[in-house]
N, C-alpha and C. Protein backbone atom coordinates (compact mmCIF):
# COMPACT_ATOMS: atom_id res chain seq x y z
N UNK A 1 2.24 23.91 -4.51
CA UNK A 1 2.08 24.35 -3.14
C UNK A 1 2.75 23.30 -2.25
N UNK A 2 3.69 23.74 -1.45
CA UNK A 2 4.37 22.83 -0.52
C UNK A 2 3.44 22.51 0.64
N UNK A 3 3.35 21.21 0.96
CA UNK A 3 2.48 20.73 2.02
C UNK A 3 3.24 19.71 2.84
N UNK A 4 3.02 19.71 4.16
CA UNK A 4 3.63 18.71 5.03
C UNK A 4 2.66 17.54 5.18
N UNK A 5 3.13 16.35 4.80
CA UNK A 5 2.32 15.14 4.89
C UNK A 5 3.20 13.99 5.35
N UNK A 6 2.58 12.99 5.97
CA UNK A 6 3.35 11.79 6.30
C UNK A 6 3.59 11.02 5.00
N UNK A 7 4.64 10.21 5.02
CA UNK A 7 4.90 9.39 3.83
C UNK A 7 3.75 8.41 3.58
N UNK A 8 3.11 7.97 4.65
CA UNK A 8 1.96 7.09 4.48
C UNK A 8 0.85 7.79 3.68
N UNK A 9 0.58 9.03 4.02
CA UNK A 9 -0.45 9.80 3.32
C UNK A 9 -0.03 10.07 1.87
N UNK A 10 1.25 10.33 1.67
CA UNK A 10 1.77 10.54 0.31
C UNK A 10 1.50 9.29 -0.53
N UNK A 11 1.78 8.12 0.06
CA UNK A 11 1.54 6.87 -0.65
C UNK A 11 0.06 6.69 -0.96
N UNK A 12 -0.81 7.02 -0.02
CA UNK A 12 -2.25 6.89 -0.23
C UNK A 12 -2.72 7.78 -1.39
N UNK A 13 -2.26 9.02 -1.40
CA UNK A 13 -2.65 9.95 -2.47
C UNK A 13 -2.15 9.43 -3.81
N UNK A 14 -0.90 9.03 -3.85
CA UNK A 14 -0.31 8.48 -5.08
C UNK A 14 -1.13 7.28 -5.56
N UNK A 15 -1.48 6.39 -4.63
CA UNK A 15 -2.20 5.17 -4.98
C UNK A 15 -3.57 5.48 -5.60
N UNK A 16 -4.34 6.35 -4.97
CA UNK A 16 -5.68 6.63 -5.52
C UNK A 16 -5.59 7.40 -6.84
N UNK A 17 -4.61 8.27 -6.98
CA UNK A 17 -4.48 9.00 -8.24
C UNK A 17 -4.03 8.08 -9.38
N UNK A 18 -3.11 7.17 -9.11
CA UNK A 18 -2.65 6.27 -10.18
C UNK A 18 -3.68 5.22 -10.52
N UNK A 19 -4.58 4.91 -9.61
CA UNK A 19 -5.59 3.88 -9.85
C UNK A 19 -6.96 4.45 -10.20
N UNK A 20 -7.02 5.74 -10.46
CA UNK A 20 -8.28 6.37 -10.85
C UNK A 20 -8.71 5.85 -12.22
N UNK A 21 -9.85 5.21 -12.26
CA UNK A 21 -10.41 4.67 -13.50
C UNK A 21 -11.51 5.61 -14.00
N UNK A 22 -11.28 6.15 -15.16
CA UNK A 22 -12.25 7.07 -15.75
C UNK A 22 -13.22 6.27 -16.62
N UNK A 23 -14.51 6.31 -16.29
CA UNK A 23 -15.50 5.60 -17.12
C UNK A 23 -15.44 6.10 -18.57
N UNK A 24 -15.81 5.21 -19.49
CA UNK A 24 -15.74 5.55 -20.92
C UNK A 24 -16.54 6.79 -21.28
N UNK A 25 -17.66 7.01 -20.63
CA UNK A 25 -18.53 8.13 -20.98
C UNK A 25 -18.16 9.42 -20.23
N UNK A 26 -17.05 9.40 -19.50
CA UNK A 26 -16.62 10.56 -18.71
C UNK A 26 -15.27 11.07 -19.22
N UNK A 27 -15.01 12.35 -18.91
CA UNK A 27 -13.69 12.93 -19.17
C UNK A 27 -13.29 13.70 -17.92
N UNK A 28 -12.00 13.71 -17.67
CA UNK A 28 -11.52 14.50 -16.54
C UNK A 28 -11.49 15.97 -16.92
N UNK A 29 -11.88 16.81 -16.00
CA UNK A 29 -11.74 18.24 -16.17
C UNK A 29 -10.24 18.51 -16.37
N UNK A 30 -9.90 19.35 -17.34
CA UNK A 30 -8.47 19.57 -17.64
C UNK A 30 -7.73 20.16 -16.45
N UNK A 31 -8.40 20.91 -15.59
CA UNK A 31 -7.74 21.46 -14.40
C UNK A 31 -7.39 20.34 -13.42
N UNK A 32 -8.31 19.40 -13.24
CA UNK A 32 -8.04 18.27 -12.36
C UNK A 32 -6.96 17.38 -12.95
N UNK A 33 -7.05 17.11 -14.24
CA UNK A 33 -6.06 16.26 -14.91
C UNK A 33 -4.66 16.86 -14.77
N UNK A 34 -4.55 18.16 -14.96
CA UNK A 34 -3.26 18.84 -14.81
C UNK A 34 -2.75 18.71 -13.38
N UNK A 35 -3.60 19.00 -12.40
CA UNK A 35 -3.20 18.92 -10.99
C UNK A 35 -2.81 17.49 -10.61
N UNK A 36 -3.57 16.53 -11.09
CA UNK A 36 -3.29 15.12 -10.83
C UNK A 36 -1.91 14.75 -11.36
N UNK A 37 -1.63 15.08 -12.61
CA UNK A 37 -0.35 14.70 -13.21
C UNK A 37 0.84 15.42 -12.59
N UNK A 38 0.68 16.69 -12.28
CA UNK A 38 1.78 17.42 -11.60
C UNK A 38 2.03 16.85 -10.21
N UNK A 39 0.96 16.53 -9.49
CA UNK A 39 1.10 15.96 -8.16
C UNK A 39 1.77 14.59 -8.24
N UNK A 40 1.34 13.77 -9.19
CA UNK A 40 1.98 12.46 -9.36
C UNK A 40 3.47 12.58 -9.68
N UNK A 41 3.82 13.56 -10.51
CA UNK A 41 5.24 13.79 -10.81
C UNK A 41 6.03 14.09 -9.54
N UNK A 42 5.40 14.81 -8.64
CA UNK A 42 6.06 15.17 -7.38
C UNK A 42 6.11 13.99 -6.41
N UNK A 43 5.04 13.19 -6.36
CA UNK A 43 4.95 12.09 -5.39
C UNK A 43 5.72 10.84 -5.79
N UNK A 44 5.82 10.57 -7.06
CA UNK A 44 6.39 9.31 -7.54
C UNK A 44 7.80 9.02 -7.02
N UNK A 45 8.74 9.97 -7.03
CA UNK A 45 10.07 9.65 -6.49
C UNK A 45 10.02 9.25 -5.00
N UNK A 46 9.19 9.91 -4.23
CA UNK A 46 9.06 9.59 -2.81
C UNK A 46 8.43 8.21 -2.63
N UNK A 47 7.42 7.89 -3.43
CA UNK A 47 6.76 6.58 -3.35
C UNK A 47 7.74 5.47 -3.74
N UNK A 48 8.58 5.73 -4.73
CA UNK A 48 9.60 4.75 -5.13
C UNK A 48 10.51 4.42 -3.96
N UNK A 49 10.89 5.43 -3.20
CA UNK A 49 11.74 5.22 -2.02
C UNK A 49 10.99 4.47 -0.93
N UNK A 50 9.71 4.76 -0.76
CA UNK A 50 8.89 4.05 0.23
C UNK A 50 8.83 2.56 -0.10
N UNK A 51 8.60 2.25 -1.36
CA UNK A 51 8.51 0.86 -1.79
C UNK A 51 9.85 0.15 -1.58
N UNK A 52 10.94 0.84 -1.93
CA UNK A 52 12.28 0.26 -1.71
C UNK A 52 12.52 -0.02 -0.23
N UNK A 53 12.13 0.91 0.62
CA UNK A 53 12.36 0.77 2.07
C UNK A 53 11.56 -0.40 2.65
N UNK A 54 10.45 -0.74 2.02
CA UNK A 54 9.60 -1.81 2.53
C UNK A 54 10.19 -3.19 2.25
N UNK A 55 11.02 -3.29 1.22
CA UNK A 55 11.61 -4.58 0.86
C UNK A 55 12.72 -4.96 1.82
N UNK A 56 12.88 -6.25 2.00
CA UNK A 56 13.94 -6.76 2.88
C UNK A 56 15.29 -6.65 2.19
N UNK A 57 16.29 -6.29 2.96
CA UNK A 57 17.67 -6.27 2.48
C UNK A 57 18.47 -7.38 3.12
N UNK A 58 17.79 -8.39 3.62
CA UNK A 58 18.44 -9.47 4.36
C UNK A 58 18.29 -10.77 3.57
N UNK A 59 19.35 -11.26 2.93
CA UNK A 59 19.25 -12.49 2.13
C UNK A 59 18.72 -13.68 2.93
N UNK A 60 19.11 -13.82 4.19
CA UNK A 60 18.65 -14.94 5.01
C UNK A 60 17.14 -14.85 5.25
N UNK A 61 16.62 -13.64 5.37
CA UNK A 61 15.17 -13.49 5.53
C UNK A 61 14.45 -13.91 4.25
N UNK A 62 15.01 -13.51 3.10
CA UNK A 62 14.40 -13.90 1.83
C UNK A 62 14.38 -15.43 1.69
N UNK A 63 15.47 -16.07 2.13
CA UNK A 63 15.55 -17.53 2.13
C UNK A 63 14.47 -18.12 3.05
N UNK A 64 14.31 -17.54 4.22
CA UNK A 64 13.27 -17.96 5.16
C UNK A 64 11.90 -17.86 4.51
N UNK A 65 11.63 -16.74 3.86
CA UNK A 65 10.31 -16.50 3.28
C UNK A 65 9.99 -17.52 2.18
N UNK A 66 10.97 -17.88 1.38
CA UNK A 66 10.77 -18.89 0.33
C UNK A 66 10.43 -20.23 0.97
N UNK A 67 11.19 -20.60 2.00
CA UNK A 67 10.94 -21.88 2.67
C UNK A 67 9.59 -21.88 3.40
N UNK A 68 9.22 -20.75 3.96
CA UNK A 68 7.92 -20.63 4.63
C UNK A 68 6.79 -20.86 3.63
N UNK A 69 6.90 -20.26 2.46
CA UNK A 69 5.88 -20.43 1.43
C UNK A 69 5.83 -21.88 0.94
N UNK A 70 6.98 -22.53 0.85
CA UNK A 70 7.02 -23.94 0.44
C UNK A 70 6.27 -24.81 1.45
N UNK A 71 6.48 -24.54 2.74
CA UNK A 71 5.78 -25.30 3.79
C UNK A 71 4.27 -25.06 3.68
N UNK A 72 3.88 -23.82 3.51
CA UNK A 72 2.46 -23.51 3.39
C UNK A 72 1.83 -24.19 2.17
N UNK A 73 2.55 -24.20 1.07
CA UNK A 73 2.05 -24.86 -0.15
C UNK A 73 1.91 -26.36 0.08
N UNK A 74 2.87 -26.94 0.77
CA UNK A 74 2.87 -28.39 1.01
C UNK A 74 1.66 -28.82 1.85
N UNK A 75 1.35 -28.06 2.89
CA UNK A 75 0.30 -28.47 3.83
C UNK A 75 -1.07 -27.85 3.56
N UNK A 76 -1.16 -26.96 2.60
CA UNK A 76 -2.43 -26.29 2.31
C UNK A 76 -3.45 -27.28 1.76
N UNK A 77 -4.71 -27.02 2.08
CA UNK A 77 -5.80 -27.79 1.46
C UNK A 77 -5.74 -27.51 -0.04
N UNK A 78 -6.11 -28.51 -0.84
CA UNK A 78 -6.04 -28.35 -2.30
C UNK A 78 -7.43 -28.39 -2.90
N UNK A 79 -7.60 -27.65 -4.00
CA UNK A 79 -8.87 -27.70 -4.72
C UNK A 79 -8.85 -28.87 -5.71
N UNK A 80 -9.87 -28.97 -6.56
CA UNK A 80 -10.00 -30.08 -7.51
C UNK A 80 -8.82 -30.15 -8.48
N UNK A 81 -8.23 -29.02 -8.81
CA UNK A 81 -7.10 -28.99 -9.74
C UNK A 81 -5.75 -29.18 -9.04
N UNK A 82 -5.79 -29.36 -7.71
CA UNK A 82 -4.55 -29.56 -6.96
C UNK A 82 -3.87 -28.27 -6.55
N UNK A 83 -4.54 -27.15 -6.74
CA UNK A 83 -3.99 -25.85 -6.33
C UNK A 83 -4.34 -25.59 -4.87
N UNK A 84 -3.47 -24.87 -4.15
CA UNK A 84 -3.77 -24.57 -2.75
C UNK A 84 -5.00 -23.69 -2.63
N UNK A 85 -5.80 -23.94 -1.60
CA UNK A 85 -6.99 -23.13 -1.33
C UNK A 85 -6.53 -21.92 -0.52
N UNK A 86 -6.90 -20.74 -0.98
CA UNK A 86 -6.52 -19.50 -0.30
C UNK A 86 -7.79 -18.75 0.06
N UNK A 87 -7.91 -18.41 1.34
CA UNK A 87 -9.05 -17.61 1.83
C UNK A 87 -8.51 -16.24 2.20
N UNK A 88 -9.01 -15.21 1.52
CA UNK A 88 -8.45 -13.88 1.73
C UNK A 88 -7.04 -13.87 1.18
N UNK A 89 -6.07 -13.72 2.06
CA UNK A 89 -4.67 -13.80 1.63
C UNK A 89 -3.91 -14.87 2.43
N UNK A 90 -4.66 -15.85 2.96
CA UNK A 90 -4.05 -16.90 3.77
C UNK A 90 -4.35 -18.28 3.19
N UNK A 91 -3.35 -19.18 3.29
CA UNK A 91 -3.55 -20.55 2.87
C UNK A 91 -4.53 -21.22 3.83
N UNK A 92 -5.39 -22.06 3.30
CA UNK A 92 -6.32 -22.82 4.13
C UNK A 92 -5.65 -24.15 4.48
N UNK A 93 -5.41 -24.38 5.77
CA UNK A 93 -4.78 -25.60 6.24
C UNK A 93 -5.67 -26.18 7.33
N UNK A 94 -6.05 -27.46 7.16
CA UNK A 94 -7.00 -28.06 8.09
C UNK A 94 -6.44 -29.32 8.76
N UNK A 95 -7.06 -29.68 9.89
CA UNK A 95 -6.84 -30.94 10.58
C UNK A 95 -5.41 -31.28 10.89
N UNK A 96 -5.04 -32.52 10.56
CA UNK A 96 -3.71 -33.04 10.87
C UNK A 96 -2.63 -32.21 10.17
N UNK A 97 -2.94 -31.71 8.96
CA UNK A 97 -1.99 -30.87 8.23
C UNK A 97 -1.63 -29.61 9.00
N UNK A 98 -2.59 -29.08 9.76
CA UNK A 98 -2.35 -27.87 10.53
C UNK A 98 -1.27 -28.10 11.58
N UNK A 99 -1.35 -29.22 12.27
CA UNK A 99 -0.34 -29.55 13.28
C UNK A 99 1.04 -29.70 12.65
N UNK A 100 1.09 -30.42 11.53
CA UNK A 100 2.38 -30.62 10.83
C UNK A 100 2.93 -29.29 10.32
N UNK A 101 2.06 -28.48 9.76
CA UNK A 101 2.49 -27.18 9.24
C UNK A 101 3.03 -26.31 10.36
N UNK A 102 2.32 -26.26 11.49
CA UNK A 102 2.78 -25.46 12.64
C UNK A 102 4.13 -25.95 13.15
N UNK A 103 4.29 -27.27 13.21
CA UNK A 103 5.56 -27.85 13.67
C UNK A 103 6.70 -27.43 12.73
N UNK A 104 6.48 -27.58 11.42
CA UNK A 104 7.50 -27.20 10.43
C UNK A 104 7.80 -25.71 10.47
N UNK A 105 6.76 -24.90 10.61
CA UNK A 105 6.96 -23.44 10.66
C UNK A 105 7.70 -23.02 11.92
N UNK A 106 7.40 -23.65 13.05
CA UNK A 106 8.11 -23.35 14.29
C UNK A 106 9.59 -23.70 14.18
N UNK A 107 9.89 -24.85 13.59
CA UNK A 107 11.29 -25.25 13.38
C UNK A 107 12.00 -24.26 12.47
N UNK A 108 11.33 -23.88 11.40
CA UNK A 108 11.90 -22.91 10.46
C UNK A 108 12.17 -21.58 11.15
N UNK A 109 11.22 -21.14 11.96
CA UNK A 109 11.36 -19.88 12.69
C UNK A 109 12.56 -19.92 13.63
N UNK A 110 12.75 -21.03 14.30
CA UNK A 110 13.92 -21.19 15.19
C UNK A 110 15.22 -21.13 14.40
N UNK A 111 15.24 -21.80 13.26
CA UNK A 111 16.44 -21.84 12.42
C UNK A 111 16.82 -20.43 11.93
N UNK A 112 15.83 -19.63 11.62
CA UNK A 112 16.07 -18.29 11.05
C UNK A 112 15.80 -17.17 12.05
N UNK A 113 15.88 -17.45 13.32
CA UNK A 113 15.57 -16.47 14.37
C UNK A 113 16.36 -15.17 14.19
N UNK A 114 17.64 -15.29 13.93
CA UNK A 114 18.49 -14.10 13.79
C UNK A 114 18.02 -13.23 12.61
N UNK A 115 17.73 -13.87 11.48
CA UNK A 115 17.26 -13.13 10.30
C UNK A 115 15.91 -12.48 10.57
N UNK A 116 15.04 -13.17 11.31
CA UNK A 116 13.73 -12.62 11.65
C UNK A 116 13.87 -11.41 12.58
N UNK A 117 14.82 -11.48 13.51
CA UNK A 117 15.07 -10.34 14.40
C UNK A 117 15.58 -9.14 13.61
N UNK A 118 16.47 -9.40 12.65
CA UNK A 118 16.98 -8.32 11.80
C UNK A 118 15.85 -7.71 10.97
N UNK A 119 14.99 -8.57 10.45
CA UNK A 119 13.86 -8.09 9.65
C UNK A 119 12.92 -7.23 10.50
N UNK A 120 12.71 -7.63 11.75
CA UNK A 120 11.85 -6.84 12.63
C UNK A 120 12.44 -5.45 12.84
N UNK A 121 13.76 -5.37 12.93
CA UNK A 121 14.42 -4.05 13.07
C UNK A 121 14.17 -3.22 11.81
N UNK A 122 14.26 -3.85 10.64
CA UNK A 122 13.97 -3.15 9.39
C UNK A 122 12.54 -2.62 9.39
N UNK A 123 11.61 -3.45 9.83
CA UNK A 123 10.19 -3.07 9.86
C UNK A 123 9.98 -1.90 10.82
N UNK A 124 10.65 -1.93 11.97
CA UNK A 124 10.52 -0.83 12.94
C UNK A 124 11.03 0.49 12.34
N UNK A 125 12.16 0.42 11.64
CA UNK A 125 12.70 1.61 10.99
C UNK A 125 11.75 2.09 9.90
N UNK A 126 11.21 1.16 9.11
CA UNK A 126 10.26 1.50 8.06
C UNK A 126 9.04 2.22 8.65
N UNK A 127 8.52 1.69 9.76
CA UNK A 127 7.36 2.31 10.39
C UNK A 127 7.65 3.73 10.87
N UNK A 128 8.86 3.97 11.34
CA UNK A 128 9.25 5.33 11.73
C UNK A 128 9.28 6.24 10.50
N UNK A 129 9.87 5.73 9.43
CA UNK A 129 10.00 6.51 8.20
C UNK A 129 8.62 6.83 7.61
N UNK A 130 7.74 5.85 7.58
CA UNK A 130 6.43 6.02 6.94
C UNK A 130 5.56 7.03 7.71
N UNK A 131 5.80 7.17 9.01
CA UNK A 131 5.01 8.10 9.82
C UNK A 131 5.64 9.48 9.92
N UNK A 132 6.81 9.65 9.35
CA UNK A 132 7.50 10.94 9.38
C UNK A 132 6.84 11.92 8.41
N UNK A 133 6.67 13.15 8.86
CA UNK A 133 6.11 14.18 7.98
C UNK A 133 7.23 14.82 7.17
N UNK A 134 6.97 14.97 5.88
CA UNK A 134 7.93 15.65 5.02
C UNK A 134 7.18 16.68 4.18
N UNK A 135 7.93 17.61 3.62
CA UNK A 135 7.33 18.63 2.78
C UNK A 135 7.35 18.13 1.34
N UNK A 136 6.19 18.22 0.70
CA UNK A 136 6.04 17.70 -0.67
C UNK A 136 5.23 18.71 -1.48
N UNK A 137 5.49 18.76 -2.77
CA UNK A 137 4.78 19.70 -3.65
C UNK A 137 3.49 19.05 -4.15
N UNK A 138 2.37 19.64 -3.79
CA UNK A 138 1.04 19.20 -4.22
C UNK A 138 0.44 20.31 -5.07
N UNK A 139 -0.09 19.96 -6.22
CA UNK A 139 -0.72 20.97 -7.07
C UNK A 139 -2.20 21.05 -6.70
N UNK A 140 -2.62 22.20 -6.16
CA UNK A 140 -4.02 22.33 -5.74
C UNK A 140 -4.98 22.44 -6.92
N UNK A 141 -6.22 22.02 -6.65
CA UNK A 141 -7.25 22.09 -7.67
C UNK A 141 -8.56 22.45 -6.98
N UNK A 142 -9.40 23.16 -7.70
CA UNK A 142 -10.69 23.54 -7.15
C UNK A 142 -11.60 22.32 -7.03
N UNK A 143 -12.39 22.32 -5.98
CA UNK A 143 -13.37 21.26 -5.74
C UNK A 143 -14.29 21.09 -6.94
N UNK A 144 -14.59 22.17 -7.59
CA UNK A 144 -15.49 22.17 -8.75
C UNK A 144 -14.92 21.32 -9.89
N UNK A 145 -13.59 21.23 -9.98
CA UNK A 145 -12.95 20.49 -11.08
C UNK A 145 -12.83 18.99 -10.80
N UNK A 146 -13.18 18.54 -9.59
CA UNK A 146 -13.07 17.11 -9.27
C UNK A 146 -14.03 16.29 -10.13
N UNK A 147 -13.63 15.07 -10.46
CA UNK A 147 -14.53 14.22 -11.24
C UNK A 147 -15.81 13.95 -10.46
N UNK A 148 -16.92 13.89 -11.16
CA UNK A 148 -18.22 13.67 -10.50
C UNK A 148 -18.44 12.20 -10.17
N UNK A 149 -17.69 11.31 -10.80
CA UNK A 149 -17.90 9.87 -10.61
C UNK A 149 -17.13 9.27 -9.43
N UNK A 150 -16.31 10.07 -8.75
CA UNK A 150 -15.51 9.51 -7.65
C UNK A 150 -16.34 9.41 -6.37
N UNK A 151 -15.91 8.48 -5.52
CA UNK A 151 -16.61 8.26 -4.25
C UNK A 151 -16.02 9.15 -3.17
N UNK A 152 -16.71 9.20 -2.06
CA UNK A 152 -16.31 10.03 -0.91
C UNK A 152 -14.90 9.68 -0.42
N UNK A 153 -14.55 8.38 -0.43
CA UNK A 153 -13.24 7.95 0.06
C UNK A 153 -12.12 8.59 -0.77
N UNK A 154 -12.35 8.70 -2.07
CA UNK A 154 -11.37 9.32 -2.97
C UNK A 154 -11.15 10.77 -2.55
N UNK A 155 -12.23 11.48 -2.34
CA UNK A 155 -12.14 12.89 -1.97
C UNK A 155 -11.42 13.07 -0.63
N UNK A 156 -11.69 12.16 0.32
CA UNK A 156 -11.02 12.24 1.62
C UNK A 156 -9.51 12.07 1.47
N UNK A 157 -9.10 11.14 0.64
CA UNK A 157 -7.67 10.87 0.48
C UNK A 157 -6.97 12.05 -0.19
N UNK A 158 -7.58 12.62 -1.22
CA UNK A 158 -6.90 13.70 -1.95
C UNK A 158 -7.18 15.09 -1.36
N UNK A 159 -7.77 15.14 -0.19
CA UNK A 159 -8.11 16.43 0.45
C UNK A 159 -6.98 17.45 0.42
N UNK A 160 -5.71 17.04 0.62
CA UNK A 160 -4.64 18.04 0.54
C UNK A 160 -4.52 18.72 -0.83
N UNK A 161 -5.10 18.13 -1.87
CA UNK A 161 -5.05 18.74 -3.20
C UNK A 161 -6.15 19.78 -3.41
N UNK A 162 -7.20 19.72 -2.62
CA UNK A 162 -8.34 20.62 -2.81
C UNK A 162 -8.02 21.98 -2.21
N UNK A 163 -8.10 23.01 -3.03
CA UNK A 163 -7.62 24.32 -2.57
C UNK A 163 -8.59 25.10 -1.70
N UNK A 164 -9.89 24.80 -1.78
CA UNK A 164 -10.84 25.52 -0.95
C UNK A 164 -10.74 25.09 0.51
N UNK A 165 -11.02 26.03 1.39
CA UNK A 165 -11.09 25.70 2.81
C UNK A 165 -12.41 24.99 3.07
N UNK A 166 -12.55 24.41 4.24
CA UNK A 166 -13.80 23.74 4.59
C UNK A 166 -14.97 24.72 4.52
N UNK A 167 -14.76 25.97 4.95
CA UNK A 167 -15.83 26.97 4.92
C UNK A 167 -16.23 27.30 3.49
N UNK A 168 -15.24 27.42 2.61
CA UNK A 168 -15.54 27.71 1.19
C UNK A 168 -16.28 26.53 0.57
N UNK A 169 -15.92 25.32 0.95
CA UNK A 169 -16.62 24.14 0.43
C UNK A 169 -18.07 24.13 0.88
N UNK A 170 -18.31 24.49 2.13
CA UNK A 170 -19.69 24.55 2.65
C UNK A 170 -20.52 25.50 1.80
N UNK A 171 -19.94 26.64 1.43
CA UNK A 171 -20.66 27.62 0.62
C UNK A 171 -20.94 27.08 -0.79
N UNK A 172 -20.00 26.30 -1.32
CA UNK A 172 -20.19 25.72 -2.65
C UNK A 172 -21.27 24.67 -2.68
N UNK A 173 -21.37 23.92 -1.60
CA UNK A 173 -22.33 22.82 -1.55
C UNK A 173 -23.64 23.37 -1.08
C-alpha cells in the first residue's frame, strides 16, 4: 500500500522494526513478520540515502571535527584509568581546563569558519530533505497480528502499517 510519509517518519519506522527484539519465549505472528520484512525491504533503500545525506561531504569539516575531538580529549576530566569522563554524550571538562578548552575551540572554529558555514548549508538542505513527504510502499498488517510484548511507543511509530482505522481499533479493543 503506497503511503505518503516524511523521510523522518520513514527512518523512525525502519529503526523500530530493525531493532525489534523478540523475547525467547515469544514468536512473531507470521502476518506481522511478513509485513515487517516487506516494509523493511521497501524502506531500506530510502534510509540508506538518508544516512548518506547526513554525512559531511566537506573534507575540511572532517578535519575540523577530528581536531575538535582531539581538543576535547586533551582537556576532558579523566577517570582512574586515564580515560575521558563522558556524561551523556558530552566530555566532562572542569575548572581551568574549561577555559583552555573554550579558547582552543574558539580558535579552531575561527580557523575553519568557511568549512563550518558550508557544513551548516549541508545541514539545512538535509533538514529540508528529511521533512519532505514522499510516497513509500508499506505493507499493512492487522492490529490483531501485532506482537503482544511491544510497548505503546512502538505501536505509535508503526501506525502507518496498521490497516484498521481508529474506529475499527476502538471496536476491537
